[in-house]
Amino acid sequence: MARRLGWGVADQGVSSISNFVLGVVVARSLDAASFGAFGLAYVTFGLAISATRGLATDPLLVRFSGARTPAWRRAVAASSATATLCGIVTGVVCILVGLALPPQVGGGFIALGVGLPGLMLQDSLRFAFFSVGEPQRALVNDVVWTVLQFTTLVALVMTGRATEVTCFLAFGGTATLAAGVGLLQCRILPRPRWIRSWVVDHKALGGRYLIENISSAGARQVRMVTLGAVAGLAAVGQVRAAEILMGPFLVMLMGVSQLAVPEASHVLSKAPRRLGRFCFLLGLVVAASAALWGVTITLLLPTGLGSALLGPIWKPASTLVPVVMIGMAAGGLEIGAAAGVRALGAAPRSLVAQLSTAGMYLVGGCVGAYLDGARGSCWGVAVATVLATFVWWYQLRRGLAEYLNETPVVASLSGQPERIPS
């Protein structure tokens, strides 16, 4: 398990480096308001990928984690096709929204929309590798993507053409090339004619996970839009810059979260009574890592590192880092509980917890923005995340108690949910 988690963290490290480089290039190339516009488009990418995972890859992780069986191969073909279709639909929506917005904001949305199909396909293939305990293949694919993206960004900077539009085109274009490499690695082609059966067969999980993921990413989108409307695009840029500074911790956060559900599923199948302990230790490690990294960069930023990375925007962003760190530490504990709830297949409990989390996040982030701009919004989110952690752990305790008492929460562990055409 430690080996698999290590591969997962390494993979997310490479993926986060590519996103970090993208953010740094754009931050140094644009003023604060333009960087805020970039941040709004990037948050929209987060919303699109969260919705896609709810329909395509979350059911794959819950119901098909294990070995490379024929059922798994059919599931990957169906889920990757579903992810690609989601990318096409959301891409068209982004392009239409971008055309309706002012050029300062709309250009980034249009460029994002062009690349979304490839971004969604590449992400779905990564999760296919995670589902069968092969994170090293996902690592190879992300290395390919990072090299391509870094090379393209360097060329844009050297030629003076680095803008939010060209950087988003590089982001999506290189992801599409990496998705092609992923198809060669996986040797499974997406099957569009299986999309309908995939969505129908997994609607009990996929529908709820879709609502969960949209509520989470949607709350973040509304918070950023509200912050921009109340305090200006520069405030959005400051919050985004603070999150970039916490990037190395996000390597662990996202790397662990990608493998947390499959690993929790393994613990549940072998020793159900140890699930709570596993989830607590997992969350504790992530929370401690957040605190450690937050303290580290708080000490390093004044030495000139922050200015070297982000330019003039680093100073206002640095004051937000301790507050963002508190929220991320609480989020680490939340991830442990969420992994347990999803491993149980307790989609109703997961849905209740996620909707509660999204609601508290939205209220905290927006009310905080109204009261004190970027700093107030970060404090509101931190408080909301702490409260949400208690909600997730309550749902895990109740769900595990039901499971141990042999109350059928969901049939997702049987491994026989698919009715995908052969």
Protein backbone atom coordinates (compact mmCIF):
# COMPACT_ATOMS: atom_id res chain seq x y z
CA MET A 1 0.00 0.00 0.00
CA ALA A 2 2.82 2.39 0.88
CA ARG A 3 4.44 1.66 -2.47
CA ARG A 4 1.23 2.39 -4.37
CA LEU A 5 0.62 5.58 -2.40
CA GLY A 6 4.20 6.61 -3.10
CA TRP A 7 3.67 6.17 -6.84
CA GLY A 8 0.44 8.12 -6.57
CA VAL A 9 2.10 11.02 -4.79
CA ALA A 10 4.93 11.00 -7.34
CA ASP A 11 2.43 11.07 -10.18
CA GLN A 12 0.50 13.94 -8.66
CA GLY A 13 3.81 15.68 -8.04
CA VAL A 14 4.55 15.67 -11.75
CA SER A 15 0.99 16.77 -12.57
CA SER A 16 1.12 19.55 -9.99
CA ILE A 17 4.49 20.74 -11.28
CA SER A 18 2.96 21.24 -14.72
CA ASN A 19 0.05 23.19 -13.22
CA PHE A 20 2.46 25.14 -11.01
CA VAL A 21 4.62 26.12 -13.98
CA LEU A 22 1.50 27.17 -15.88
CA GLY A 23 0.40 29.38 -12.99
CA VAL A 24 3.85 30.93 -12.52
CA VAL A 25 4.25 31.70 -16.23
CA VAL A 26 0.85 33.38 -16.38
CA ALA A 27 1.39 35.23 -13.07
CA ARG A 28 4.66 36.71 -14.27
CA SER A 29 3.29 37.56 -17.72
CA LEU A 30 0.05 39.32 -16.67
CA ASP A 31 -1.07 42.03 -14.29
CA ALA A 32 -3.17 41.20 -11.22
CA ALA A 33 -6.53 41.75 -12.94
CA SER A 34 -5.62 39.61 -15.97
CA PHE A 35 -4.31 36.89 -13.66
CA GLY A 36 -7.66 37.02 -11.88
CA ALA A 37 -9.40 36.46 -15.23
CA PHE A 38 -7.13 33.47 -15.80
CA GLY A 39 -8.08 32.22 -12.33
CA LEU A 40 -11.79 32.31 -13.18
CA ALA A 41 -11.24 30.18 -16.29
CA TYR A 42 -9.02 27.76 -14.35
CA VAL A 43 -11.68 27.33 -11.67
CA THR A 44 -14.10 26.51 -14.49
CA PHE A 45 -11.71 23.76 -15.59
CA GLY A 46 -11.92 22.40 -12.04
CA LEU A 47 -15.72 22.39 -12.26
CA ALA A 48 -15.66 20.56 -15.61
CA ILE A 49 -13.22 17.89 -14.48
CA SER A 50 -15.10 17.32 -11.22
CA ALA A 51 -18.38 16.78 -13.07
CA THR A 52 -16.70 14.42 -15.51
CA ARG A 53 -15.17 12.35 -12.73
CA GLY A 54 -18.55 11.98 -11.08
CA LEU A 55 -20.04 10.39 -14.20
CA ALA A 56 -17.02 8.58 -15.63
CA THR A 57 -14.17 7.73 -13.27
CA ASP A 58 -15.64 7.71 -9.73
CA PRO A 59 -17.87 4.68 -10.50
CA LEU A 60 -14.84 3.02 -12.12
CA LEU A 61 -12.79 3.42 -8.92
CA VAL A 62 -15.55 2.19 -6.63
CA ARG A 63 -16.82 -0.75 -8.65
CA PHE A 64 -13.87 -1.97 -10.73
CA SER A 65 -10.77 -1.50 -8.57
CA GLY A 66 -8.73 -4.68 -8.67
CA ALA A 67 -7.22 -6.64 -11.54
CA ARG A 68 -7.18 -6.27 -15.33
CA THR A 69 -10.25 -8.40 -15.92
CA PRO A 70 -12.41 -8.35 -19.07
CA ALA A 71 -15.03 -6.45 -17.06
CA TRP A 72 -12.43 -3.82 -16.18
CA ARG A 73 -11.41 -3.43 -19.83
CA ARG A 74 -15.04 -2.91 -20.86
CA ALA A 75 -15.47 -0.45 -18.00
CA VAL A 76 -12.41 1.57 -19.08
CA ALA A 77 -13.61 1.69 -22.69
CA ALA A 78 -17.01 2.97 -21.54
CA SER A 79 -15.77 5.39 -18.87
CA SER A 80 -13.11 6.97 -21.12
CA ALA A 81 -15.72 7.52 -23.85
CA THR A 82 -18.02 9.09 -21.28
CA ALA A 83 -15.23 11.39 -20.10
CA THR A 84 -14.45 12.47 -23.66
CA LEU A 85 -18.09 13.26 -24.39
CA CYS A 86 -18.28 15.31 -21.18
CA GLY A 87 -15.21 17.22 -22.36
CA ILE A 88 -16.84 17.95 -25.71
CA VAL A 89 -20.08 19.19 -24.13
CA THR A 90 -18.40 21.35 -21.48
CA GLY A 91 -15.94 22.61 -24.08
CA VAL A 92 -18.75 23.87 -26.29
CA VAL A 93 -20.37 25.56 -23.29
CA CYS A 94 -17.08 27.27 -22.38
CA ILE A 95 -16.63 28.54 -25.92
CA LEU A 96 -20.17 29.97 -26.01
CA VAL A 97 -19.68 31.60 -22.60
CA GLY A 98 -16.33 33.01 -23.71
CA LEU A 99 -17.90 34.57 -26.79
CA ALA A 100 -20.49 36.28 -24.61
CA LEU A 101 -17.98 37.66 -22.08
CA PRO A 102 -15.70 40.71 -22.47
CA PRO A 103 -12.45 39.90 -24.32
CA GLN A 104 -10.32 40.28 -21.16
CA VAL A 105 -12.15 37.32 -19.59
CA GLY A 106 -13.68 35.50 -22.56
CA GLY A 107 -10.47 34.60 -24.40
CA GLY A 108 -9.34 32.25 -21.63
CA PHE A 109 -12.71 30.46 -21.62
CA ILE A 110 -12.59 29.93 -25.38
CA ALA A 111 -9.06 28.53 -25.25
CA LEU A 112 -10.02 26.27 -22.33
CA GLY A 113 -13.06 24.97 -24.23
CA VAL A 114 -10.91 23.91 -27.17
CA GLY A 115 -8.72 21.72 -24.96
CA LEU A 116 -11.33 20.20 -22.63
CA PRO A 117 -12.02 16.96 -24.60
CA GLY A 118 -8.33 16.00 -24.50
CA LEU A 119 -7.99 17.06 -20.86
CA MET A 120 -10.94 14.87 -19.82
CA LEU A 121 -9.71 11.84 -21.78
CA GLN A 122 -6.19 12.10 -20.33
CA ASP A 123 -7.59 12.35 -16.79
CA SER A 124 -9.86 9.33 -17.23
CA LEU A 125 -6.95 7.16 -18.40
CA ARG A 126 -4.91 8.16 -15.34
CA PHE A 127 -7.71 6.94 -13.09
CA ALA A 128 -7.98 3.72 -15.08
CA PHE A 129 -4.37 2.97 -14.12
CA PHE A 130 -5.05 3.88 -10.49
CA SER A 131 -8.01 1.52 -10.36
CA VAL A 132 -5.83 -1.53 -11.04
CA GLY A 133 -2.92 -0.52 -8.81
CA GLU A 134 -0.67 0.68 -11.67
CA PRO A 135 0.03 4.31 -10.71
CA GLN A 136 3.47 4.07 -12.31
CA ARG A 137 1.78 4.09 -15.73
CA ALA A 138 -0.09 7.24 -14.79
CA LEU A 139 3.24 8.72 -13.70
CA VAL A 140 4.81 7.99 -17.09
CA ASN A 141 1.88 9.61 -18.86
CA ASP A 142 2.02 12.73 -16.69
CA VAL A 143 5.77 13.01 -17.27
CA VAL A 144 5.10 13.03 -21.02
CA TRP A 145 2.44 15.72 -20.56
CA THR A 146 4.67 17.83 -18.31
CA VAL A 147 7.63 17.72 -20.71
CA LEU A 148 5.41 18.71 -23.63
CA GLN A 149 3.72 21.48 -21.67
CA PHE A 150 6.97 22.84 -20.22
CA THR A 151 8.60 22.93 -23.66
CA THR A 152 5.61 24.76 -25.14
CA LEU A 153 5.45 27.30 -22.29
CA VAL A 154 9.17 28.03 -22.57
CA ALA A 155 8.72 28.67 -26.30
CA LEU A 156 5.83 31.05 -25.56
CA VAL A 157 7.86 32.98 -22.98
CA MET A 158 10.94 33.17 -25.21
CA THR A 159 8.90 34.56 -28.11
CA GLY A 160 6.91 36.97 -25.93
CA ARG A 161 3.59 35.27 -26.72
CA ALA A 162 2.67 34.02 -23.24
CA THR A 163 -0.90 35.15 -22.54
CA GLU A 164 -3.81 33.51 -20.75
CA VAL A 165 -5.13 32.39 -24.16
CA THR A 166 -1.92 30.85 -25.50
CA CYS A 167 -1.11 29.24 -22.14
CA PHE A 168 -4.55 27.61 -22.00
CA LEU A 169 -4.10 26.39 -25.58
CA ALA A 170 -0.77 24.87 -24.56
CA PHE A 171 -2.40 23.33 -21.48
CA GLY A 172 -5.15 21.59 -23.44
CA GLY A 173 -3.14 20.80 -26.55
CA THR A 174 -0.34 19.01 -24.73
CA ALA A 175 -2.89 17.11 -22.60
CA THR A 176 -4.49 15.85 -25.81
CA LEU A 177 -1.13 14.54 -27.01
CA ALA A 178 -0.58 12.87 -23.62
CA ALA A 179 -4.03 11.28 -23.91
CA GLY A 180 -2.90 9.69 -27.18
CA VAL A 181 0.10 8.23 -25.37
CA GLY A 182 -2.25 6.98 -22.65
CA LEU A 183 -4.33 5.08 -25.18
CA LEU A 184 -1.16 3.35 -26.40
CA GLN A 185 -0.26 2.46 -22.79
CA CYS A 186 -3.71 1.17 -21.96
CA ARG A 187 -4.40 -0.46 -25.34
CA ILE A 188 -8.10 0.18 -24.84
CA LEU A 189 -10.03 2.49 -27.14
CA PRO A 190 -13.03 4.50 -25.94
CA ARG A 191 -16.33 3.02 -27.10
CA PRO A 192 -18.88 5.83 -27.63
CA ARG A 193 -21.72 3.33 -28.15
CA TRP A 194 -21.27 2.15 -24.54
CA ILE A 195 -21.72 5.60 -23.01
CA ARG A 196 -25.45 5.24 -22.48
CA SER A 197 -25.18 1.83 -20.82
CA TRP A 198 -22.34 3.10 -18.59
CA VAL A 199 -24.38 6.06 -17.35
CA VAL A 200 -27.54 3.98 -16.88
CA ASP A 201 -25.86 1.03 -15.14
CA HIS A 202 -24.04 3.29 -12.70
CA LYS A 203 -26.64 5.96 -12.17
CA ALA A 204 -27.02 5.00 -8.50
CA LEU A 205 -23.41 6.06 -7.88
CA GLY A 206 -22.65 8.27 -10.86
CA GLY A 207 -25.70 10.48 -10.42
CA ARG A 208 -24.95 11.15 -6.78
CA TYR A 209 -21.23 11.62 -7.38
CA LEU A 210 -22.02 14.02 -10.22
CA ILE A 211 -24.15 16.12 -7.87
CA GLU A 212 -21.44 15.93 -5.21
CA ASN A 213 -18.64 16.99 -7.50
CA ILE A 214 -20.66 19.75 -9.17
CA SER A 215 -21.74 21.10 -5.79
CA SER A 216 -18.13 21.18 -4.60
CA ALA A 217 -16.59 22.69 -7.71
CA GLY A 218 -19.64 24.88 -8.32
CA ALA A 219 -19.37 26.36 -4.84
CA ARG A 220 -15.76 27.22 -5.58
CA GLN A 221 -16.77 28.80 -8.89
CA VAL A 222 -19.48 30.94 -7.27
CA ARG A 223 -17.11 31.95 -4.48
CA MET A 224 -14.49 33.17 -6.95
CA VAL A 225 -17.04 35.00 -9.09
CA THR A 226 -18.49 36.63 -5.99
CA LEU A 227 -15.03 37.60 -4.79
CA GLY A 228 -14.28 39.15 -8.17
CA ALA A 229 -17.56 41.07 -8.17
CA VAL A 230 -17.16 42.33 -4.60
CA ALA A 231 -13.40 42.91 -4.32
CA GLY A 232 -12.22 42.94 -7.95
CA LEU A 233 -10.30 40.55 -10.22
CA ALA A 234 -7.06 41.37 -8.37
CA ALA A 235 -8.48 39.70 -5.23
CA VAL A 236 -9.20 36.55 -7.25
CA GLY A 237 -5.61 36.63 -8.47
CA GLN A 238 -4.32 36.92 -4.89
CA VAL A 239 -6.28 33.89 -3.73
CA ARG A 240 -5.17 31.88 -6.75
CA ALA A 241 -1.54 32.90 -6.12
CA ALA A 242 -1.77 31.79 -2.47
CA GLU A 243 -3.05 28.41 -3.64
CA ILE A 244 -0.15 28.17 -6.08
CA LEU A 245 2.27 28.79 -3.19
CA MET A 246 0.66 25.83 -1.40
CA GLY A 247 1.19 23.77 -4.56
CA PRO A 248 3.77 21.27 -3.24
CA PHE A 249 1.37 20.29 -0.45
CA LEU A 250 -1.36 19.86 -3.04
CA VAL A 251 0.94 17.25 -4.59
CA MET A 252 0.35 15.06 -1.55
CA LEU A 253 -3.28 16.06 -1.15
CA MET A 254 -4.27 15.15 -4.69
CA GLY A 255 -1.90 12.19 -4.96
CA VAL A 256 -3.32 10.58 -1.84
CA SER A 257 -6.92 11.42 -2.72
CA GLN A 258 -6.58 9.66 -6.09
CA LEU A 259 -5.59 6.39 -4.44
CA ALA A 260 -7.49 6.77 -1.17
CA VAL A 261 -10.73 5.17 -2.38
CA PRO A 262 -9.13 2.05 -3.96
CA GLU A 263 -6.93 1.56 -0.88
CA ALA A 264 -9.86 2.04 1.49
CA SER A 265 -11.79 -0.50 -0.58
CA HIS A 266 -8.95 -3.01 -0.09
CA VAL A 267 -8.96 -2.43 3.68
CA LEU A 268 -12.73 -2.81 3.80
CA SER A 269 -12.65 -6.12 1.92
CA LYS A 270 -9.94 -7.63 4.14
CA ALA A 271 -10.46 -6.08 7.57
CA PRO A 272 -13.61 -3.93 7.76
CA ARG A 273 -13.10 -2.99 11.41
CA ARG A 274 -9.81 -1.33 10.54
CA LEU A 275 -11.33 1.04 8.01
CA GLY A 276 -11.90 3.85 10.51
CA ARG A 277 -8.33 3.64 11.78
CA PHE A 278 -6.94 3.59 8.25
CA CYS A 279 -8.96 6.67 7.25
CA PHE A 280 -7.95 8.56 10.39
CA LEU A 281 -4.23 7.87 9.95
CA LEU A 282 -4.45 8.77 6.27
CA GLY A 283 -6.16 12.08 7.04
CA LEU A 284 -3.77 12.83 9.88
CA VAL A 285 -0.71 12.44 7.64
CA VAL A 286 -2.18 14.75 5.01
CA ALA A 287 -3.20 17.36 7.60
CA ALA A 288 0.25 17.33 9.19
CA SER A 289 1.84 17.74 5.78
CA ALA A 290 -0.31 20.82 5.11
CA ALA A 291 0.76 22.41 8.37
CA LEU A 292 4.42 21.59 7.77
CA TRP A 293 4.46 23.04 4.26
CA GLY A 294 2.52 26.14 5.31
CA VAL A 295 5.05 26.91 8.04
CA THR A 296 7.94 26.24 5.65
CA ILE A 297 6.84 28.67 2.96
CA THR A 298 5.87 31.27 5.56
CA LEU A 299 9.52 31.25 6.60
CA LEU A 300 10.93 31.07 3.06
CA LEU A 301 8.81 33.68 1.29
CA PRO A 302 10.46 36.73 2.92
CA THR A 303 13.87 35.55 1.67
CA GLY A 304 12.92 36.51 -1.89
CA LEU A 305 11.58 33.16 -3.07
CA GLY A 306 8.03 34.45 -3.40
CA SER A 307 9.02 37.46 -5.47
CA ALA A 308 11.20 35.29 -7.72
CA LEU A 309 8.27 32.96 -8.40
CA LEU A 310 5.26 35.23 -8.69
CA GLY A 311 6.58 38.75 -9.09
CA PRO A 312 4.64 41.67 -7.56
CA ILE A 313 1.57 39.57 -6.70
CA TRP A 314 3.47 37.48 -4.14
CA LYS A 315 3.30 40.06 -1.34
CA PRO A 316 -0.50 40.22 -0.98
CA ALA A 317 -0.72 36.48 -1.64
CA SER A 318 1.77 35.65 1.12
CA THR A 319 -0.52 37.13 3.80
CA LEU A 320 -3.21 34.62 2.77
CA VAL A 321 -1.00 31.52 3.00
CA PRO A 322 -1.47 30.83 6.78
CA VAL A 323 -5.25 31.03 6.41
CA VAL A 324 -5.26 28.81 3.32
CA MET A 325 -3.03 26.37 5.22
CA ILE A 326 -5.62 25.99 7.99
CA GLY A 327 -8.32 25.15 5.48
CA MET A 328 -6.13 22.65 3.66
CA ALA A 329 -5.09 20.92 6.89
CA ALA A 330 -8.75 20.42 7.79
CA GLY A 331 -9.31 19.24 4.23
CA GLY A 332 -6.70 16.53 4.79
CA LEU A 333 -8.73 15.06 7.65
CA GLU A 334 -11.83 15.36 5.49
CA ILE A 335 -10.20 13.36 2.68
CA GLY A 336 -9.60 10.43 5.02
CA ALA A 337 -13.25 10.26 6.03
CA ALA A 338 -14.50 10.82 2.47
CA ALA A 339 -12.40 7.92 1.21
CA GLY A 340 -14.01 5.63 3.77
CA VAL A 341 -17.54 6.73 2.93
CA ARG A 342 -16.96 6.19 -0.79
CA ALA A 343 -15.30 2.82 -0.23
CA LEU A 344 -18.44 1.73 1.61
CA GLY A 345 -20.40 2.67 -1.49
CA ALA A 346 -22.67 4.73 0.79
CA ALA A 347 -23.58 7.20 -1.92
CA PRO A 348 -26.54 8.73 0.00
CA ARG A 349 -24.30 9.50 2.98
CA SER A 350 -21.57 10.82 0.73
CA LEU A 351 -24.10 13.05 -1.03
CA VAL A 352 -25.42 14.51 2.24
CA ALA A 353 -21.89 15.22 3.47
CA GLN A 354 -20.79 16.80 0.20
CA LEU A 355 -23.83 19.02 -0.14
CA SER A 356 -23.35 20.18 3.45
CA THR A 357 -19.68 20.86 2.73
CA ALA A 358 -20.47 22.80 -0.45
CA GLY A 359 -23.11 24.87 1.32
CA MET A 360 -20.81 25.83 4.17
CA TYR A 361 -17.97 26.57 1.76
CA LEU A 362 -20.19 28.81 -0.35
CA VAL A 363 -21.58 30.75 2.61
CA GLY A 364 -18.18 31.12 4.28
CA GLY A 365 -16.36 32.13 1.12
CA CYS A 366 -18.96 34.63 -0.09
CA VAL A 367 -19.80 36.22 3.26
CA GLY A 368 -16.09 36.50 4.03
CA ALA A 369 -15.49 38.17 0.66
CA TYR A 370 -18.20 40.72 1.40
CA LEU A 371 -16.75 41.48 4.84
CA ASP A 372 -13.02 41.54 4.13
CA GLY A 373 -12.20 40.81 0.49
CA ALA A 374 -9.67 38.07 -0.28
CA ARG A 375 -8.58 37.59 3.32
CA GLY A 376 -12.14 37.37 4.62
CA SER A 377 -13.03 34.86 1.92
CA CYS A 378 -10.08 32.64 2.87
CA TRP A 379 -11.06 32.75 6.56
CA GLY A 380 -14.64 31.87 5.71
CA VAL A 381 -13.49 28.88 3.68
CA ALA A 382 -11.14 27.72 6.46
CA VAL A 383 -13.91 27.78 9.06
CA ALA A 384 -16.30 26.01 6.69
CA THR A 385 -13.76 23.25 5.98
CA VAL A 386 -13.21 22.61 9.69
CA LEU A 387 -16.97 22.24 10.23
CA ALA A 388 -17.29 20.01 7.15
CA THR A 389 -14.67 17.64 8.54
CA PHE A 390 -16.98 16.78 11.46
CA VAL A 391 -19.84 16.11 9.04
CA TRP A 392 -17.76 13.63 6.99
CA TRP A 393 -16.54 11.74 10.05
CA TYR A 394 -20.05 11.47 11.41
CA GLN A 395 -21.22 9.96 8.13
CA LEU A 396 -18.28 7.53 8.08
CA ARG A 397 -19.02 6.30 11.60
CA ARG A 398 -22.69 5.75 10.84
CA GLY A 399 -22.01 4.11 7.49
CA LEU A 400 -19.38 1.75 8.91
CA ALA A 401 -21.66 0.77 11.77
CA GLU A 402 -24.37 -0.15 9.28
CA TYR A 403 -21.90 -2.13 7.19
CA LEU A 404 -20.60 -4.08 10.19
CA ASN A 405 -24.15 -4.87 11.21
CA GLU A 406 -24.63 -6.38 7.74
CA THR A 407 -27.02 -3.68 6.59
CA PRO A 408 -26.53 -3.49 2.82
CA VAL A 409 -25.45 0.05 2.05
CA VAL A 410 -24.84 -0.55 -1.64
CA ALA A 411 -23.93 -3.49 -3.86
CA SER A 412 -20.81 -1.84 -5.25
CA LEU A 413 -18.38 -4.30 -3.69
CA SER A 414 -19.79 -7.31 -5.45
CA GLY A 415 -17.90 -6.56 -8.64
CA GLN A 416 -20.96 -7.50 -10.75
CA PRO A 417 -22.64 -4.21 -11.60
CA GLU A 418 -21.98 -3.95 -15.30
CA ARG A 419 -24.39 -4.58 -18.13
CA ILE A 420 -22.04 -3.19 -20.74
CA PRO A 421 -22.44 -4.80 -24.16
CA SER A 422 -19.71 -7.26 -25.04
